[in-house]
N, C-alpha and C. Protein backbone atom coordinates (compact mmCIF):
# COMPACT_ATOMS: atom_id res chain seq x y z
N MET A 1 -15.95 -30.59 -107.38
CA MET A 1 -16.50 -29.75 -106.40
C MET A 1 -18.14 -30.51 -105.73
N PHE A 2 -18.32 -30.18 -104.25
CA PHE A 2 -19.28 -31.32 -103.55
C PHE A 2 -20.00 -30.00 -102.87
N ILE A 3 -21.56 -30.19 -102.44
CA ILE A 3 -21.95 -29.35 -101.61
C ILE A 3 -22.07 -30.54 -100.23
N ILE A 4 -21.93 -29.83 -99.45
CA ILE A 4 -22.35 -30.39 -98.18
C ILE A 4 -23.39 -29.41 -97.35
N THR A 5 -24.86 -30.09 -96.85
CA THR A 5 -25.44 -28.96 -96.63
C THR A 5 -26.18 -29.93 -94.96
N ASN A 6 -26.24 -29.05 -93.93
CA ASN A 6 -27.45 -29.36 -93.16
C ASN A 6 -28.72 -29.00 -93.40
N GLN A 7 -29.20 -29.76 -93.41
CA GLN A 7 -31.25 -29.59 -93.50
C GLN A 7 -31.69 -29.82 -92.37
N PRO A 8 -31.83 -29.56 -91.13
CA PRO A 8 -32.74 -30.09 -89.96
C PRO A 8 -33.97 -29.98 -90.10
N GLY A 9 -34.46 -28.99 -91.30
CA GLY A 9 -35.79 -28.89 -91.43
C GLY A 9 -36.25 -30.05 -91.85
N ILE A 10 -35.63 -31.06 -92.47
CA ILE A 10 -36.44 -32.62 -93.17
C ILE A 10 -36.99 -33.41 -91.41
N SER A 11 -35.59 -33.20 -90.58
CA SER A 11 -36.35 -34.05 -89.58
C SER A 11 -37.06 -33.71 -88.20
N LYS A 12 -37.38 -31.60 -88.69
CA LYS A 12 -38.30 -31.14 -87.90
C LYS A 12 -39.61 -31.29 -88.51
N GLY A 13 -40.03 -31.94 -89.99
CA GLY A 13 -41.30 -31.77 -90.87
C GLY A 13 -41.57 -30.35 -91.05
N ILE A 14 -40.35 -29.92 -91.82
CA ILE A 14 -40.92 -28.84 -91.94
C ILE A 14 -40.53 -28.44 -93.71
N VAL A 15 -39.60 -29.04 -94.08
CA VAL A 15 -39.59 -29.84 -95.35
C VAL A 15 -39.08 -31.07 -95.77
N THR A 16 -39.81 -31.71 -96.93
CA THR A 16 -39.70 -32.86 -97.18
C THR A 16 -38.26 -33.37 -97.61
N ALA A 17 -37.39 -34.64 -97.18
CA ALA A 17 -36.39 -34.59 -98.62
C ALA A 17 -36.39 -34.57 -99.90
N GLU A 18 -37.75 -35.04 -100.30
CA GLU A 18 -37.69 -34.58 -102.01
C GLU A 18 -37.94 -33.39 -102.21
N GLN A 19 -38.20 -31.89 -101.09
CA GLN A 19 -38.18 -30.86 -101.48
C GLN A 19 -36.93 -30.33 -101.51
N VAL A 20 -35.78 -30.75 -100.47
CA VAL A 20 -34.48 -30.19 -100.58
C VAL A 20 -33.68 -30.85 -101.93
N ASN A 21 -34.34 -32.63 -102.05
CA ASN A 21 -33.50 -32.70 -103.44
C ASN A 21 -33.83 -31.93 -104.11
N ARG A 22 -34.79 -31.20 -104.90
CA ARG A 22 -35.44 -30.73 -106.18
C ARG A 22 -34.56 -29.23 -105.89
N VAL A 23 -34.43 -28.64 -104.69
CA VAL A 23 -33.44 -27.59 -104.60
C VAL A 23 -32.15 -27.17 -104.84
N ASN A 24 -31.86 -28.92 -104.12
CA ASN A 24 -30.46 -28.98 -104.73
C ASN A 24 -29.98 -29.32 -106.47
N SER A 25 -31.30 -30.13 -106.86
CA SER A 25 -31.06 -30.47 -108.64
C SER A 25 -30.90 -29.12 -109.26
N TYR A 26 -32.08 -28.13 -108.67
CA TYR A 26 -31.84 -26.84 -109.17
C TYR A 26 -30.65 -26.28 -109.42
N ILE A 27 -29.89 -25.88 -108.02
CA ILE A 27 -28.68 -25.52 -107.91
C ILE A 27 -27.84 -26.35 -108.74
N GLN A 28 -27.67 -27.53 -108.98
CA GLN A 28 -26.79 -28.18 -109.63
C GLN A 28 -26.99 -28.08 -111.26
N SER A 29 -28.33 -27.71 -111.39
CA SER A 29 -28.35 -27.38 -113.40
C SER A 29 -28.17 -26.21 -113.10
N VAL A 30 -28.24 -25.03 -112.40
CA VAL A 30 -27.62 -23.82 -112.68
C VAL A 30 -26.48 -23.51 -112.58
N LEU A 31 -25.53 -24.01 -112.28
CA LEU A 31 -24.12 -24.51 -111.87
C LEU A 31 -23.56 -25.17 -113.04
N LYS A 32 -23.76 -26.21 -113.41
CA LYS A 32 -23.86 -26.75 -114.52
C LYS A 32 -24.20 -25.74 -115.87
N ALA A 33 -24.85 -24.87 -115.94
CA ALA A 33 -25.17 -24.32 -117.29
C ALA A 33 -24.01 -23.31 -117.29
N GLU A 34 -23.66 -23.13 -116.21
CA GLU A 34 -22.03 -22.10 -116.11
C GLU A 34 -20.76 -22.58 -116.14
N GLY A 35 -20.80 -24.14 -116.71
CA GLY A 35 -19.68 -24.85 -116.55
C GLY A 35 -19.35 -25.88 -115.44
N VAL A 36 -19.70 -25.81 -114.37
CA VAL A 36 -19.44 -25.78 -113.14
C VAL A 36 -20.23 -27.52 -112.77
N GLU A 37 -19.36 -28.65 -112.94
CA GLU A 37 -19.49 -29.95 -112.34
C GLU A 37 -19.54 -29.94 -110.86
N LEU A 38 -20.71 -30.67 -110.51
CA LEU A 38 -20.56 -31.22 -109.02
C LEU A 38 -20.25 -33.05 -109.09
N SER A 39 -19.73 -33.02 -108.12
CA SER A 39 -19.19 -34.18 -107.87
C SER A 39 -20.49 -35.05 -107.22
N GLY A 40 -21.09 -33.98 -106.26
CA GLY A 40 -21.51 -34.85 -105.47
C GLY A 40 -22.45 -33.79 -104.45
N ILE A 41 -23.68 -34.55 -103.72
CA ILE A 41 -24.50 -33.43 -102.69
C ILE A 41 -25.02 -34.06 -101.74
N TYR A 42 -24.18 -34.06 -100.46
CA TYR A 42 -24.46 -34.84 -99.28
C TYR A 42 -25.40 -33.87 -98.33
N VAL A 43 -26.75 -34.61 -98.14
CA VAL A 43 -27.29 -33.70 -97.45
C VAL A 43 -27.43 -34.25 -95.40
N CYS A 44 -27.23 -33.82 -94.72
CA CYS A 44 -27.69 -34.32 -93.37
C CYS A 44 -29.00 -33.89 -92.86
N PRO A 45 -29.90 -34.62 -92.87
CA PRO A 45 -31.32 -34.24 -91.92
C PRO A 45 -31.48 -34.43 -90.73
N HIS A 46 -30.35 -34.53 -90.03
CA HIS A 46 -31.03 -34.50 -88.42
C HIS A 46 -30.90 -32.91 -88.27
N GLN A 47 -31.39 -32.84 -86.83
CA GLN A 47 -31.24 -31.88 -85.81
C GLN A 47 -29.53 -31.88 -85.46
N GLU A 48 -29.32 -30.92 -84.67
CA GLU A 48 -28.32 -30.61 -84.04
C GLU A 48 -28.42 -31.52 -82.66
N SER A 49 -29.81 -31.50 -82.02
CA SER A 49 -29.80 -32.29 -80.86
C SER A 49 -29.78 -34.00 -81.28
N GLU A 50 -29.77 -34.37 -82.05
CA GLU A 50 -30.19 -35.64 -82.41
C GLU A 50 -28.33 -36.21 -82.47
N GLY A 51 -27.52 -35.74 -82.77
CA GLY A 51 -26.03 -35.79 -82.30
C GLY A 51 -25.35 -37.43 -83.55
N CYS A 52 -25.80 -36.80 -84.72
CA CYS A 52 -25.39 -37.90 -85.66
C CYS A 52 -24.13 -37.54 -86.41
N ARG A 53 -23.37 -37.90 -87.42
CA ARG A 53 -22.18 -38.39 -87.53
C ARG A 53 -21.92 -37.12 -88.93
N CYS A 54 -23.26 -37.19 -89.58
CA CYS A 54 -22.78 -36.54 -91.09
C CYS A 54 -23.08 -34.68 -90.82
N ARG A 55 -23.38 -34.72 -89.42
CA ARG A 55 -24.01 -32.96 -89.28
C ARG A 55 -22.51 -32.09 -89.22
N LYS A 56 -22.73 -31.06 -90.23
CA LYS A 56 -21.86 -30.09 -89.90
C LYS A 56 -21.53 -29.41 -88.76
N PRO A 57 -20.54 -29.22 -88.05
CA PRO A 57 -19.05 -28.98 -88.80
C PRO A 57 -18.35 -30.53 -88.83
N GLY A 58 -19.27 -31.81 -88.01
CA GLY A 58 -18.34 -32.69 -88.27
C GLY A 58 -18.15 -33.27 -89.71
N THR A 59 -16.68 -34.12 -89.61
CA THR A 59 -15.86 -34.67 -90.71
C THR A 59 -16.51 -35.49 -91.73
N TYR A 60 -17.60 -36.25 -91.23
CA TYR A 60 -18.19 -37.18 -91.57
C TYR A 60 -18.25 -37.35 -93.60
N PHE A 61 -18.68 -36.27 -93.59
CA PHE A 61 -18.94 -35.90 -95.22
C PHE A 61 -17.46 -35.71 -95.97
N PRO A 62 -16.42 -35.20 -95.57
CA PRO A 62 -15.56 -34.74 -96.46
C PRO A 62 -14.74 -36.22 -96.18
N GLU A 63 -14.52 -36.73 -95.16
CA GLU A 63 -13.73 -37.86 -94.99
C GLU A 63 -14.16 -39.10 -96.29
N LYS A 64 -15.40 -39.01 -96.28
CA LYS A 64 -16.33 -39.88 -97.16
C LYS A 64 -15.77 -39.61 -98.79
N THR A 65 -16.14 -38.30 -98.89
CA THR A 65 -15.42 -37.68 -100.32
C THR A 65 -14.17 -38.03 -100.57
N LYS A 66 -13.22 -37.68 -99.21
CA LYS A 66 -11.79 -38.35 -99.62
C LYS A 66 -11.86 -39.74 -99.80
N LYS A 67 -12.32 -40.49 -99.38
CA LYS A 67 -12.52 -41.89 -99.46
C LYS A 67 -13.20 -42.22 -101.00
N GLU A 68 -14.20 -42.02 -101.35
CA GLU A 68 -14.40 -42.42 -102.49
C GLU A 68 -14.16 -41.57 -103.56
N TYR A 69 -13.45 -40.30 -103.91
CA TYR A 69 -13.23 -39.32 -104.55
C TYR A 69 -11.25 -39.25 -104.76
N SER A 70 -11.10 -39.96 -103.84
CA SER A 70 -9.34 -39.33 -103.32
C SER A 70 -9.32 -38.50 -103.34
N LEU A 71 -10.35 -37.88 -102.53
CA LEU A 71 -9.63 -36.15 -102.78
C LEU A 71 -8.80 -36.18 -101.52
N ASP A 72 -7.82 -34.83 -101.90
CA ASP A 72 -7.22 -34.19 -101.23
C ASP A 72 -7.34 -33.22 -99.99
N LEU A 73 -8.11 -33.35 -99.34
CA LEU A 73 -8.48 -32.32 -98.21
C LEU A 73 -7.29 -31.39 -98.02
N ASN A 74 -5.87 -31.46 -98.29
CA ASN A 74 -5.60 -30.51 -97.72
C ASN A 74 -4.98 -29.27 -98.70
N SER A 75 -5.60 -30.13 -99.96
CA SER A 75 -5.64 -28.85 -101.11
C SER A 75 -6.82 -28.57 -101.30
N SER A 76 -8.02 -28.49 -100.58
CA SER A 76 -8.91 -28.27 -100.81
C SER A 76 -9.65 -27.25 -99.91
N PHE A 77 -10.73 -26.41 -100.34
CA PHE A 77 -11.31 -25.14 -99.48
C PHE A 77 -12.59 -25.01 -99.23
N VAL A 78 -13.54 -24.76 -98.19
CA VAL A 78 -14.48 -24.59 -97.59
C VAL A 78 -15.31 -23.21 -98.32
N ILE A 79 -16.29 -23.17 -99.08
CA ILE A 79 -17.35 -21.82 -99.19
C ILE A 79 -18.53 -21.85 -98.59
N GLY A 80 -18.96 -21.04 -97.46
CA GLY A 80 -20.15 -21.32 -96.66
C GLY A 80 -20.31 -19.93 -95.95
N ASP A 81 -21.65 -20.05 -95.85
CA ASP A 81 -22.47 -19.01 -94.88
C ASP A 81 -22.32 -19.21 -93.44
N HIS A 82 -21.74 -19.84 -92.72
CA HIS A 82 -22.04 -20.15 -91.02
C HIS A 82 -20.78 -20.36 -90.45
N PRO A 83 -20.44 -19.81 -89.64
CA PRO A 83 -19.13 -20.21 -89.17
C PRO A 83 -19.13 -21.54 -88.37
N GLY A 84 -19.76 -22.13 -88.63
CA GLY A 84 -19.78 -23.75 -88.21
C GLY A 84 -19.04 -24.59 -89.64
N ASP A 85 -19.13 -23.81 -91.12
CA ASP A 85 -18.41 -24.00 -92.07
C ASP A 85 -17.15 -23.99 -92.09
N ALA A 86 -16.73 -23.23 -91.54
CA ALA A 86 -15.27 -22.44 -91.11
C ALA A 86 -14.50 -23.93 -90.24
N GLU A 87 -15.67 -24.06 -89.09
CA GLU A 87 -15.01 -24.94 -88.11
C GLU A 87 -14.95 -26.50 -88.97
N LEU A 88 -15.88 -26.64 -89.88
CA LEU A 88 -16.00 -27.60 -90.75
C LEU A 88 -14.02 -27.66 -91.12
N ALA A 89 -14.02 -26.81 -91.69
CA ALA A 89 -12.60 -26.86 -92.85
C ALA A 89 -11.79 -27.03 -91.54
N ILE A 90 -11.71 -26.77 -90.72
CA ILE A 90 -10.57 -26.95 -89.56
C ILE A 90 -10.33 -28.21 -89.21
N ARG A 91 -11.18 -28.65 -88.94
CA ARG A 91 -11.52 -30.13 -88.14
C ARG A 91 -10.72 -31.10 -89.34
N ALA A 92 -11.72 -30.84 -90.29
CA ALA A 92 -11.47 -31.70 -91.61
C ALA A 92 -9.59 -31.50 -92.31
N GLY A 93 -8.77 -30.73 -91.50
CA GLY A 93 -7.37 -30.69 -91.85
C GLY A 93 -7.56 -29.79 -93.23
N LEU A 94 -8.42 -28.86 -93.71
CA LEU A 94 -8.70 -28.04 -95.00
C LEU A 94 -7.52 -26.41 -94.44
N THR A 95 -6.75 -26.79 -93.89
CA THR A 95 -6.00 -25.52 -92.70
C THR A 95 -4.96 -24.53 -93.77
N SER A 96 -4.59 -25.42 -94.93
CA SER A 96 -3.91 -25.03 -95.60
C SER A 96 -3.90 -23.91 -97.11
N TRP A 97 -5.53 -24.02 -96.43
CA TRP A 97 -6.36 -22.93 -97.64
C TRP A 97 -7.27 -22.39 -97.00
N ALA A 98 -7.37 -21.21 -97.62
CA ALA A 98 -8.74 -19.85 -96.99
C ALA A 98 -9.97 -20.99 -96.87
N THR A 99 -10.89 -20.61 -95.62
CA THR A 99 -12.14 -20.66 -95.68
C THR A 99 -12.72 -19.52 -96.26
N ILE A 100 -13.84 -19.70 -97.10
CA ILE A 100 -14.04 -18.13 -97.69
C ILE A 100 -15.71 -18.55 -96.86
N LEU A 101 -15.82 -17.29 -96.07
CA LEU A 101 -17.62 -17.48 -95.16
C LEU A 101 -18.14 -15.96 -96.21
N ILE A 102 -19.34 -16.71 -96.72
CA ILE A 102 -19.84 -14.91 -97.05
C ILE A 102 -21.52 -14.95 -95.84
N LEU A 103 -21.48 -13.55 -95.45
CA LEU A 103 -22.47 -13.60 -94.67
C LEU A 103 -23.38 -12.75 -95.63
N PHE A 104 -24.91 -13.39 -95.60
CA PHE A 104 -25.68 -12.54 -95.87
C PHE A 104 -26.27 -11.21 -95.07
N LEU A 105 -26.72 -9.98 -95.41
CA LEU A 105 -27.09 -9.37 -94.76
C LEU A 105 -28.17 -8.55 -95.22
């Protein structure tokens, strides 16, 4: 399992990379306590206007995990809270499985 997250607040100066890393470490520890092991957390610190490769819905991080972990993207799925997460799944070729979109009201 991997987390891929856009954190433009880093480049905007709203939060530091260290603060984001602390939150991600906490999430990782909570998941681990429930028996869920993360293989990696990938953070894009850029704003959309910067046009980077790593920002979702770009496929840079899914392609990177595919290479580094021999991940079968066609047998993978995405859980997200933004329509861009569903777009990421489609662009990365995860179309044979459902994309789960969680809406917070």
